PDB file of N, CA and C in Angstrom:
ATOM      1  N   VAL A   1     100.170 113.604  94.004  1.00  0.00           N
ATOM      2  CA  VAL A   1     101.430 112.863  93.724  1.00  0.00           C
ATOM      3  C   VAL A   1     102.466 113.669  93.285  1.00  0.00           C
ATOM      4  N   LYS A   2     102.487 114.096  92.142  1.00  0.00           N
ATOM      5  CA  LYS A   2     103.401 114.377  91.189  1.00  0.00           C
ATOM      6  C   LYS A   2     103.946 115.523  91.727  1.00  0.00           C
ATOM      7  N   LYS A   3     103.136 116.549  93.041  1.00  0.00           N
ATOM      8  CA  LYS A   3     103.724 117.281  93.140  1.00  0.00           C
ATOM      9  C   LYS A   3     104.284 117.118  94.659  1.00  0.00           C
ATOM     10  N   HIS A   4     103.891 116.401  95.283  1.00  0.00           N
ATOM     11  CA  HIS A   4     104.823 115.931  96.873  1.00  0.00           C
ATOM     12  C   HIS A   4     105.659 114.621  96.440  1.00  0.00           C
ATOM     13  N   ASP A   5     105.533 114.096  95.721  1.00  0.00           N
ATOM     14  CA  ASP A   5     106.764 112.378  95.682  1.00  0.00           C
ATOM     15  C   ASP A   5     106.416 112.260  94.676  1.00  0.00           C
ATOM     16  N   PHE A   6     107.475 113.222  93.894  1.00  0.00           N
ATOM     17  CA  PHE A   6     108.053 113.201  92.294  1.00  0.00           C
ATOM     18  C   PHE A   6     108.429 111.731  92.030  1.00  0.00           C
ATOM     19  N   GLU A   7     109.365 111.248  92.436  1.00  0.00           N
ATOM     20  CA  GLU A   7     109.962 109.900  92.659  1.00  0.00           C
ATOM     21  C   GLU A   7     109.246 109.076  92.004  1.00  0.00           C
ATOM     22  N   ASN A   8     108.087 108.617  93.433  1.00  0.00           N
ATOM     23  CA  ASN A   8     107.165 107.716  93.490  1.00  0.00           C
ATOM     24  C   ASN A   8     106.300 107.660  91.936  1.00  0.00           C
ATOM     25  N   TYR A   9     105.792 108.872  92.056  1.00  0.00           N
ATOM     26  CA  TYR A   9     105.071 109.416  90.283  1.00  0.00           C
ATOM     27  C   TYR A   9     106.084 108.817  88.806  1.00  0.00           C
ATOM     28  N   LEU A  10     107.348 109.117  89.162  1.00  0.00           N
ATOM     29  CA  LEU A  10     107.960 108.821  88.010  1.00  0.00           C
ATOM     30  C   LEU A  10     107.938 106.956  87.776  1.00  0.00           C
ATOM     31  N   CYS A  11     107.862 106.022  89.051  1.00  0.00           N
ATOM     32  CA  CYS A  11     108.264 104.894  89.084  1.00  0.00           C
ATOM     33  C   CYS A  11     106.357 104.332  88.988  1.00  0.00           C
ATOM     34  N   GLY A  12     105.701 105.302  89.176  1.00  0.00           N
ATOM     35  CA  GLY A  12     104.284 104.849  88.626  1.00  0.00           C
ATOM     36  C   GLY A  12     103.850 104.945  87.655  1.00  0.00           C
ATOM     37  N   LEU A  13     104.649 105.488  86.436  1.00  0.00           N
ATOM     38  CA  LEU A  13     104.531 105.697  85.291  1.00  0.00           C
ATOM     39  C   LEU A  13     104.825 103.921  84.777  1.00  0.00           C
ATOM     40  N   LEU A  14     105.697 103.463  85.061  1.00  0.00           N
ATOM     41  CA  LEU A  14     106.561 102.218  84.650  1.00  0.00           C
ATOM     42  C   LEU A  14     105.239 101.266  85.156  1.00  0.00           C
ATOM     43  N   VAL A  15     104.172 101.096  85.910  1.00  0.00           N
ATOM     44  CA  VAL A  15     103.211 100.078  86.454  1.00  0.00           C
ATOM     45  C   VAL A  15     102.378 100.395  85.400  1.00  0.00           C
ATOM     46  N   PRO A  16     102.146  98.937  85.486  1.00  0.00           N
ATOM     47  CA  PRO A  16     100.979  98.304  84.162  1.00  0.00           C
ATOM     48  C   PRO A  16     100.043  99.422  84.153  1.00  0.00           C
ATOM     49  N   SER A  17      99.450  99.281  83.066  1.00  0.00           N
ATOM     50  CA  SER A  17      98.083 100.704  83.097  1.00  0.00           C
ATOM     51  C   SER A  17      96.827 100.024  83.852  1.00  0.00           C
ATOM     52  N   ASP A  18      96.939  98.837  83.660  1.00  0.00           N
ATOM     53  CA  ASP A  18      95.524  98.207  84.354  1.00  0.00           C
ATOM     54  C   ASP A  18      95.808  97.987  86.141  1.00  0.00           C
ATOM     55  N   ALA A  19      97.357  98.505  86.479  1.00  0.00           N
ATOM     56  CA  ALA A  19      97.271  98.480  88.082  1.00  0.00           C
ATOM     57  C   ALA A  19      97.681 100.462  88.178  1.00  0.00           C
ATOM     58  N   ARG A  20      97.680 100.920  87.313  1.00  0.00           N
ATOM     59  CA  ARG A  20      98.465 102.187  87.501  1.00  0.00           C
ATOM     60  C   ARG A  20      97.622 103.143  88.672  1.00  0.00           C
ATOM     61  N   ALA A  21      96.020 102.965  88.680  1.00  0.00           N
ATOM     62  CA  ALA A  21      95.323 104.213  88.939  1.00  0.00           C
ATOM     63  C   ALA A  21      95.140 103.431  90.685  1.00  0.00           C
ATOM     64  N   ALA A  22      95.597 102.562  90.880  1.00  0.00           N
ATOM     65  CA  ALA A  22      95.047 101.381  92.001  1.00  0.00           C
ATOM     66  C   ALA A  22      96.566 102.297  92.721  1.00  0.00           C
ATOM     67  N   TYR A  23      97.709 102.331  92.048  1.00  0.00           N
ATOM     68  CA  TYR A  23      99.214 102.467  92.456  1.00  0.00           C
ATOM     69  C   TYR A  23      99.231 104.090  93.145  1.00  0.00           C
ATOM     70  N   PHE A  24      98.744 104.787  91.452  1.00  0.00           N
ATOM     71  CA  PHE A  24      98.561 106.326  92.519  1.00  0.00           C
ATOM     72  C   PHE A  24      97.860 106.491  93.804  1.00  0.00           C
ATOM     73  N   SER A  25      96.578 106.015  93.635  1.00  0.00           N
ATOM     74  CA  SER A  25      95.774 105.947  95.383  1.00  0.00           C
ATOM     75  C   SER A  25      95.999 105.491  96.309  1.00  0.00           C
ATOM     76  N   ILE A  26      97.218 104.494  96.220  1.00  0.00           N
ATOM     77  CA  ILE A  26      98.022 104.039  97.189  1.00  0.00           C
ATOM     78  C   ILE A  26      99.489 105.434  97.962  1.00  0.00           C
ATOM     79  N   ARG A  27      99.503 105.772  96.550  1.00  0.00           N
ATOM     80  CA  ARG A  27     100.774 106.557  96.687  1.00  0.00           C
ATOM     81  C   ARG A  27     100.284 107.970  97.678  1.00  0.00           C
ATOM     82  N   ALA A  28      98.777 108.380  97.180  1.00  0.00           N
ATOM     83  CA  ALA A  28      98.331 109.784  97.313  1.00  0.00           C
ATOM     84  C   ALA A  28      98.401 109.451  98.875  1.00  0.00           C
ATOM     85  N   PHE A  29      97.647 108.125  99.368  1.00  0.00           N
ATOM     86  CA  PHE A  29      97.537 108.086 100.791  1.00  0.00           C
ATOM     87  C   PHE A  29      98.322 108.410 101.405  1.00  0.00           C
ATOM     88  N   ASN A  30      99.274 107.664 101.050  1.00  0.00           N
ATOM     89  CA  ASN A  30     100.469 108.034 101.366  1.00  0.00           C
ATOM     90  C   ASN A  30     100.927 109.044 101.753  1.00  0.00           C
ATOM     91  N   VAL A  31     101.239 110.236 100.853  1.00  0.00           N
ATOM     92  CA  VAL A  31     101.314 111.416 101.133  1.00  0.00           C
ATOM     93  C   VAL A  31     100.491 112.390 101.806  1.00  0.00           C
ATOM     94  N   GLU A  32      99.181 111.767 102.019  1.00  0.00           N
ATOM     95  CA  GLU A  32      98.348 112.803 102.741  1.00  0.00           C
ATOM     96  C   GLU A  32      98.410 112.459 104.237  1.00  0.00           C
ATOM     97  N   LEU A  33      98.871 110.894 104.705  1.00  0.00           N
ATOM     98  CA  LEU A  33      99.796 111.153 105.632  1.00  0.00           C
ATOM     99  C   LEU A  33     100.982 111.465 106.238  1.00  0.00           C
ATOM    100  N   ALA A  34     101.601 111.539 105.407  1.00  0.00           N
ATOM    101  CA  ALA A  34     102.692 112.437 105.408  1.00  0.00           C
ATOM    102  C   ALA A  34     102.960 113.679 105.643  1.00  0.00           C
ATOM    103  N   THR A  35     101.821 114.612 104.741  1.00  0.00           N
ATOM    104  CA  THR A  35     101.222 115.778 105.212  1.00  0.00           C
ATOM    105  C   THR A  35     100.762 116.136 106.637  1.00  0.00           C
ATOM    106  N   VAL A  36     100.175 115.147 107.296  1.00  0.00           N
ATOM    107  CA  VAL A  36      99.709 115.279 108.193  1.00  0.00           C
ATOM    108  C   VAL A  36     100.479 116.431 109.392  1.00  0.00           C
ATOM    109  N   HIS A  37     101.334 115.768 109.443  1.00  0.00           N
ATOM    110  CA  HIS A  37     102.712 116.468 110.646  1.00  0.00           C
ATOM    111  C   HIS A  37     102.939 118.218 110.050  1.00  0.00           C
ATOM    112  N   ASP A  38     103.129 118.626 108.756  1.00  0.00           N
ATOM    113  CA  ASP A  38     103.065 119.692 108.128  1.00  0.00           C
ATOM    114  C   ASP A  38     102.029 120.625 108.121  1.00  0.00           C
ATOM    115  N   GLN A  39     100.529 120.027 108.629  1.00  0.00           N
ATOM    116  CA  GLN A  39      99.260 120.537 108.631  1.00  0.00           C
ATOM    117  C   GLN A  39      99.177 120.939 110.123  1.00  0.00           C
ATOM    118  N   ILE A  40      99.198 120.190 110.950  1.00  0.00           N
ATOM    119  CA  ILE A  40      99.083 120.155 112.297  1.00  0.00           C
ATOM    120  C   ILE A  40      99.441 121.031 112.933  1.00  0.00           C
ATOM    121  N   LYS A  41     100.910 121.079 112.782  1.00  0.00           N
ATOM    122  CA  LYS A  41     101.977 122.480 113.278  1.00  0.00           C
ATOM    123  C   LYS A  41     101.893 122.368 114.278  1.00  0.00           C
ATOM    124  N   GLY A  42     102.476 121.180 115.195  1.00  0.00           N
ATOM    125  CA  GLY A  42     102.685 120.892 116.694  1.00  0.00           C
ATOM    126  C   GLY A  42     101.686 120.300 117.332  1.00  0.00           C
ATOM    127  N   ASN A  43     100.266 120.671 117.053  1.00  0.00           N
ATOM    128  CA  ASN A  43      99.264 119.500 117.929  1.00  0.00           C
ATOM    129  C   ASN A  43      98.987 118.247 117.715  1.00  0.00           C
ATOM    130  N   ALA A  44      99.463 117.768 118.639  1.00  0.00           N
ATOM    131  CA  ALA A  44      99.645 116.601 118.618  1.00  0.00           C
ATOM    132  C   ALA A  44      97.751 116.092 118.281  1.00  0.00           C
ATOM    133  N   MET A  45      97.187 116.525 119.418  1.00  0.00           N
ATOM    134  CA  MET A  45      95.845 115.922 118.912  1.00  0.00           C
ATOM    135  C   MET A  45      94.925 116.032 117.863  1.00  0.00           C
ATOM    136  N   ALA A  46      95.215 117.275 116.929  1.00  0.00           N
ATOM    137  CA  ALA A  46      94.301 117.070 115.360  1.00  0.00           C
ATOM    138  C   ALA A  46      95.425 116.416 115.083  1.00  0.00           C
ATOM    139  N   GLY A  47      96.763 115.986 114.882  1.00  0.00           N
ATOM    140  CA  GLY A  47      97.356 115.157 114.095  1.00  0.00           C
ATOM    141  C   GLY A  47      96.194 113.020 114.398  1.00  0.00           C
ATOM    142  N   ARG A  48      96.606 112.977 115.976  1.00  0.00           N
ATOM    143  CA  ARG A  48      95.636 111.812 116.286  1.00  0.00           C
ATOM    144  C   ARG A  48      94.277 111.843 115.469  1.00  0.00           C
ATOM    145  N   ILE A  49      93.452 112.999 115.556  1.00  0.00           N
ATOM    146  CA  ILE A  49      91.925 113.080 114.829  1.00  0.00           C
ATOM    147  C   ILE A  49      92.493 112.871 113.671  1.00  0.00           C
ATOM    148  N   ARG A  50      93.273 113.117 112.738  1.00  0.00           N
ATOM    149  CA  ARG A  50      93.633 113.149 111.123  1.00  0.00           C
ATOM    150  C   ARG A  50      93.727 111.417 111.333  1.00  0.00           C
ATOM    151  N   PHE A  51      94.481 110.862 111.902  1.00  0.00           N
ATOM    152  CA  PHE A  51      95.054 109.633 111.429  1.00  0.00           C
ATOM    153  C   PHE A  51      93.555 108.767 111.887  1.00  0.00           C
ATOM    154  N   GLN A  52      92.787 109.397 113.070  1.00  0.00           N
ATOM    155  CA  GLN A  52      91.705 108.866 113.231  1.00  0.00           C
ATOM    156  C   GLN A  52      90.794 108.254 112.361  1.00  0.00           C
ATOM    157  N   TRP A  53      90.662 109.490 111.434  1.00  0.00           N
ATOM    158  CA  TRP A  53      89.563 109.766 110.854  1.00  0.00           C
ATOM    159  C   TRP A  53      89.806 108.883 109.834  1.00  0.00           C
ATOM    160  N   TRP A  54      91.120 108.737 109.174  1.00  0.00           N
ATOM    161  CA  TRP A  54      91.689 107.709 108.039  1.00  0.00           C
ATOM    162  C   TRP A  54      91.190 106.463 108.192  1.00  0.00           C
ATOM    163  N   ARG A  55      91.566 106.108 109.808  1.00  0.00           N
ATOM    164  CA  ARG A  55      91.145 104.355 109.960  1.00  0.00           C
ATOM    165  C   ARG A  55      89.629 104.180 110.000  1.00  0.00           C
ATOM    166  N   ASP A  56      89.110 105.499 110.305  1.00  0.00           N
ATOM    167  CA  ASP A  56      86.877 105.102 110.161  1.00  0.00           C
ATOM    168  C   ASP A  56      86.682 105.021 108.819  1.00  0.00           C
ATOM    169  N   VAL A  57      87.456 106.088 107.834  1.00  0.00           N
ATOM    170  CA  VAL A  57      86.984 106.141 106.478  1.00  0.00           C
ATOM    171  C   VAL A  57      87.252 104.687 105.857  1.00  0.00           C
ATOM    172  N   LEU A  58      88.653 104.138 106.299  1.00  0.00           N
ATOM    173  CA  LEU A  58      89.130 102.272 105.792  1.00  0.00           C
ATOM    174  C   LEU A  58      88.130 101.899 105.869  1.00  0.00           C
ATOM    175  N   LYS A  59      87.423 101.282 107.534  1.00  0.00           N
ATOM    176  CA  LYS A  59      86.927 100.438 108.350  1.00  0.00           C
ATOM    177  C   LYS A  59      85.335 100.844 107.493  1.00  0.00           C
ATOM    178  N   ASP A  60      85.298 101.915 107.284  1.00  0.00           N
ATOM    179  CA  ASP A  60      83.648 102.359 106.303  1.00  0.00           C
ATOM    180  C   ASP A  60      83.543 101.905 105.290  1.00  0.00           C
ATOM    181  N   ILE A  61      84.925 101.840 104.721  1.00  0.00           N
ATOM    182  CA  ILE A  61      85.402 101.413 102.875  1.00  0.00           C
ATOM    183  C   ILE A  61      84.694  99.680 103.357  1.00  0.00           C
ATOM    184  N   VAL A  62      85.199  99.453 103.893  1.00  0.00           N
ATOM    185  CA  VAL A  62      85.494  97.732 104.280  1.00  0.00           C
ATOM    186  C   VAL A  62      84.783  96.946 104.550  1.00  0.00           C
ATOM    187  N   GLU A  63      83.821  97.578 105.715  1.00  0.00           N
ATOM    188  CA  GLU A  63      82.567  97.154 106.314  1.00  0.00           C
ATOM    189  C   GLU A  63      80.962  97.543 105.940  1.00  0.00           C
ATOM    190  N   SER A  64      81.068  98.721 105.319  1.00  0.00           N
ATOM    191  CA  SER A  64      79.488  98.680 104.604  1.00  0.00           C
ATOM    192  C   SER A  64      79.905  99.974 102.795  1.00  0.00           C
ATOM    193  N   ASP A  65      79.431 100.868 103.062  1.00  0.00           N
ATOM    194  CA  ASP A  65      79.122 101.401 102.027  1.00  0.00           C
ATOM    195  C   ASP A  65      80.490 102.905 101.827  1.00  0.00           C
ATOM    196  N   GLY A  66      81.144 103.537 102.738  1.00  0.00           N
ATOM    197  CA  GLY A  66      82.176 103.630 101.963  1.00  0.00           C
ATOM    198  C   GLY A  66      81.621 105.704 102.010  1.00  0.00           C
ATOM    199  N   GLU A  67      80.190 105.361 102.468  1.00  0.00           N
ATOM    200  CA  GLU A  67      79.784 107.173 102.991  1.00  0.00           C
ATOM    201  C   GLU A  67      80.870 107.826 102.940  1.00  0.00           C
ATOM    202  N   GLN A  68      81.480 108.054 104.102  1.00  0.00           N
ATOM    203  CA  GLN A  68      82.488 108.673 104.709  1.00  0.00           C
ATOM    204  C   GLN A  68      83.336 109.458 103.792  1.00  0.00           C
ATOM    205  N   ALA A  69      83.618 108.558 102.909  1.00  0.00           N
ATOM    206  CA  ALA A  69      84.503 108.899 102.061  1.00  0.00           C
ATOM    207  C   ALA A  69      84.097 109.708 100.415  1.00  0.00           C
ATOM    208  N   ARG A  70      83.137 110.278 100.665  1.00  0.00           N
ATOM    209  CA  ARG A  70      82.388 110.875  99.295  1.00  0.00           C
ATOM    210  C   ARG A  70      83.228 112.382  99.498  1.00  0.00           C
ATOM    211  N   GLN A  71      83.707 113.094 100.258  1.00  0.00           N
ATOM    212  CA  GLN A  71      84.079 113.941 100.625  1.00  0.00           C
ATOM    213  C   GLN A  71      85.520 114.464 100.138  1.00  0.00           C
ATOM    214  N   GLN A  72      86.213 113.229 100.401  1.00  0.00           N
ATOM    215  CA  GLN A  72      88.107 113.077 100.417  1.00  0.00           C
ATOM    216  C   GLN A  72      88.498 112.303  98.900  1.00  0.00           C
ATOM    217  N   PRO A  73      89.074 113.382  97.946  1.00  0.00           N
ATOM    218  CA  PRO A  73      88.886 112.437  96.945  1.00  0.00           C
ATOM    219  C   PRO A  73      90.212 110.953  96.685  1.00  0.00           C
ATOM    220  N   VAL A  74      90.863 111.336  97.932  1.00  0.00           N
ATOM    221  CA  VAL A  74      91.877 109.790  97.742  1.00  0.00           C
ATOM    222  C   VAL A  74      90.829 109.153  98.534  1.00  0.00           C
ATOM    223  N   ALA A  75      90.232 109.584  99.110  1.00  0.00           N
ATOM    224  CA  ALA A  75      89.335 108.107  99.989  1.00  0.00           C
ATOM    225  C   ALA A  75      88.383 107.675  98.981  1.00  0.00           C
ATOM    226  N   LEU A  76      87.565 108.210  98.205  1.00  0.00           N
ATOM    227  CA  LEU A  76      87.096 108.017  96.792  1.00  0.00           C
ATOM    228  C   LEU A  76      87.580 106.947  96.247  1.00  0.00           C
ATOM    229  N   ALA A  77      89.245 107.358  95.682  1.00  0.00           N
ATOM    230  CA  ALA A  77      89.829 106.456  95.274  1.00  0.00           C
ATOM    231  C   ALA A  77      90.407 105.159  95.786  1.00  0.00           C
ATOM    232  N   LEU A  78      90.551 105.518  96.944  1.00  0.00           N
ATOM    233  CA  LEU A  78      90.842 104.003  97.756  1.00  0.00           C
ATOM    234  C   LEU A  78      90.004 102.959  97.776  1.00  0.00           C
ATOM    235  N   LYS A  79      88.460 103.883  97.783  1.00  0.00           N
ATOM    236  CA  LYS A  79      87.147 102.770  98.100  1.00  0.00           C
ATOM    237  C   LYS A  79      87.411 101.941  97.163  1.00  0.00           C
ATOM    238  N   ARG A  80      87.627 102.849  95.669  1.00  0.00           N
ATOM    239  CA  ARG A  80      87.557 102.038  94.673  1.00  0.00           C
ATOM    240  C   ARG A  80      87.887 101.003  94.216  1.00  0.00           C
ATOM    241  N   HIS A  81      89.695 101.335  94.415  1.00  0.00           N
ATOM    242  CA  HIS A  81      90.724 100.070  94.578  1.00  0.00           C
ATOM    243  C   HIS A  81      90.803  99.528  95.983  1.00  0.00           C
ATOM    244  N   ILE A  82      90.381  99.664  96.855  1.00  0.00           N
ATOM    245  CA  ILE A  82      90.601  98.356  97.477  1.00  0.00           C
ATOM    246  C   ILE A  82      89.331  97.498  97.408  1.00  0.00           C
ATOM    247  N   ARG A  83      88.198  97.988  97.094  1.00  0.00           N
ATOM    248  CA  ARG A  83      86.986  96.754  96.269  1.00  0.00           C
ATOM    249  C   ARG A  83      87.527  95.946  95.126  1.00  0.00           C
ATOM    250  N   GLU A  84      88.012  96.908  94.103  1.00  0.00           N
ATOM    251  CA  GLU A  84      88.127  96.253  92.848  1.00  0.00           C
ATOM    252  C   GLU A  84      89.416  95.603  93.106  1.00  0.00           C
ATOM    253  N   LYS A  85      90.691  95.724  93.387  1.00  0.00           N
ATOM    254  CA  LYS A  85      91.864  94.610  93.471  1.00  0.00           C
ATOM    255  C   LYS A  85      91.661  94.049  94.966  1.00  0.00           C
ATOM    256  N   SER A  86      90.921  93.812  95.950  1.00  0.00           N
ATOM    257  CA  SER A  86      90.924  93.354  97.410  1.00  0.00           C
ATOM    258  C   SER A  86      92.098  93.328  97.869  1.00  0.00           C
ATOM    259  N   LEU A  87      91.977  94.843  98.285  1.00  0.00           N
ATOM    260  CA  LEU A  87      93.418  95.350  98.806  1.00  0.00           C
ATOM    261  C   LEU A  87      93.388  95.267 100.335  1.00  0.00           C
ATOM    262  N   SER A  88      93.967  94.794 101.398  1.00  0.00           N
ATOM    263  CA  SER A  88      93.782  94.189 102.626  1.00  0.00           C
ATOM    264  C   SER A  88      93.902  95.700 103.490  1.00  0.00           C
ATOM    265  N   LEU A  89      92.866  95.856 104.348  1.00  0.00           N
ATOM    266  CA  LEU A  89      92.829  96.674 105.198  1.00  0.00           C
ATOM    267  C   LEU A  89      94.242  96.935 106.085  1.00  0.00           C
ATOM    268  N   HIS A  90      94.774  95.480 106.116  1.00  0.00           N
ATOM    269  CA  HIS A  90      95.480  95.516 107.148  1.00  0.00           C
ATOM    270  C   HIS A  90      97.062  96.421 106.980  1.00  0.00           C
ATOM    271  N   TRP A  91      97.341  96.508 105.805  1.00  0.00           N
ATOM    272  CA  TRP A  91      98.546  97.318 105.425  1.00  0.00           C
ATOM    273  C   TRP A  91      98.149  98.679 105.457  1.00  0.00           C
ATOM    274  N   PHE A  92      96.867  99.393 105.090  1.00  0.00           N
ATOM    275  CA  PHE A  92      96.682 100.784 105.263  1.00  0.00           C
ATOM    276  C   PHE A  92      96.937 101.224 106.757  1.00  0.00           C
ATOM    277  N   GLU A  93      95.953 100.186 107.603  1.00  0.00           N
ATOM    278  CA  GLU A  93      96.424 100.628 109.261  1.00  0.00           C
ATOM    279  C   GLU A  93      97.958 100.385 109.695  1.00  0.00           C
ATOM    280  N   ARG A  94      98.951  99.908 109.106  1.00  0.00           N
ATOM    281  CA  ARG A  94     100.177  99.759 109.501  1.00  0.00           C
ATOM    282  C   ARG A  94     100.924 100.787 108.828  1.00  0.00           C
ATOM    283  N   SER A  95     100.397 101.195 107.870  1.00  0.00           N
ATOM    284  CA  SER A  95     100.904 102.635 107.328  1.00  0.00           C
ATOM    285  C   SER A  95     100.332 103.831 108.423  1.00  0.00           C
ATOM    286  N   ILE A  96      99.380 103.704 108.585  1.00  0.00           N
ATOM    287  CA  ILE A  96      98.759 104.788 109.386  1.00  0.00           C
ATOM    288  C   ILE A  96      99.283 104.590 110.927  1.00  0.00           C
ATOM    289  N   ASP A  97      99.500 103.368 111.753  1.00  0.00           N
ATOM    290  CA  ASP A  97     100.337 103.563 112.628  1.00  0.00           C
ATOM    291  C   ASP A  97     101.733 103.191 112.788  1.00  0.00           C
ATOM    292  N   ALA A  98     102.008 103.548 111.613  1.00  0.00           N
ATOM    293  CA  ALA A  98     103.989 103.646 111.329  1.00  0.00           C
ATOM    294  C   ALA A  98     103.965 105.363 111.322  1.00  0.00           C
ATOM    295  N   ARG A  99     103.187 105.966 111.362  1.00  0.00           N
ATOM    296  CA  ARG A  99     103.011 107.790 111.412  1.00  0.00           C
ATOM    297  C   ARG A  99     103.211 107.941 112.633  1.00  0.00           C
TER     298      ARG A  99
END
């Protein structure tokens, strides 16, 4: 977040300490979605696959043990905070759909 979204990194420093880690995991998720376009280099199918992977990971986190998240640091952070803070999957899906 600090590297790709510095303004929101600075804002995150003002978030209360008990919610700061969750804030940064959500912002990191947003950075991941925003960088998909740069990573796919015009291959629309690769972008759709990446977004579908995020949908599957989020669904797995909510519906089962979140095993798919074990290899991706942002997904691991989201897994922890979605469960701890009872975050709604709906808003994460809307973020994906908006991209």
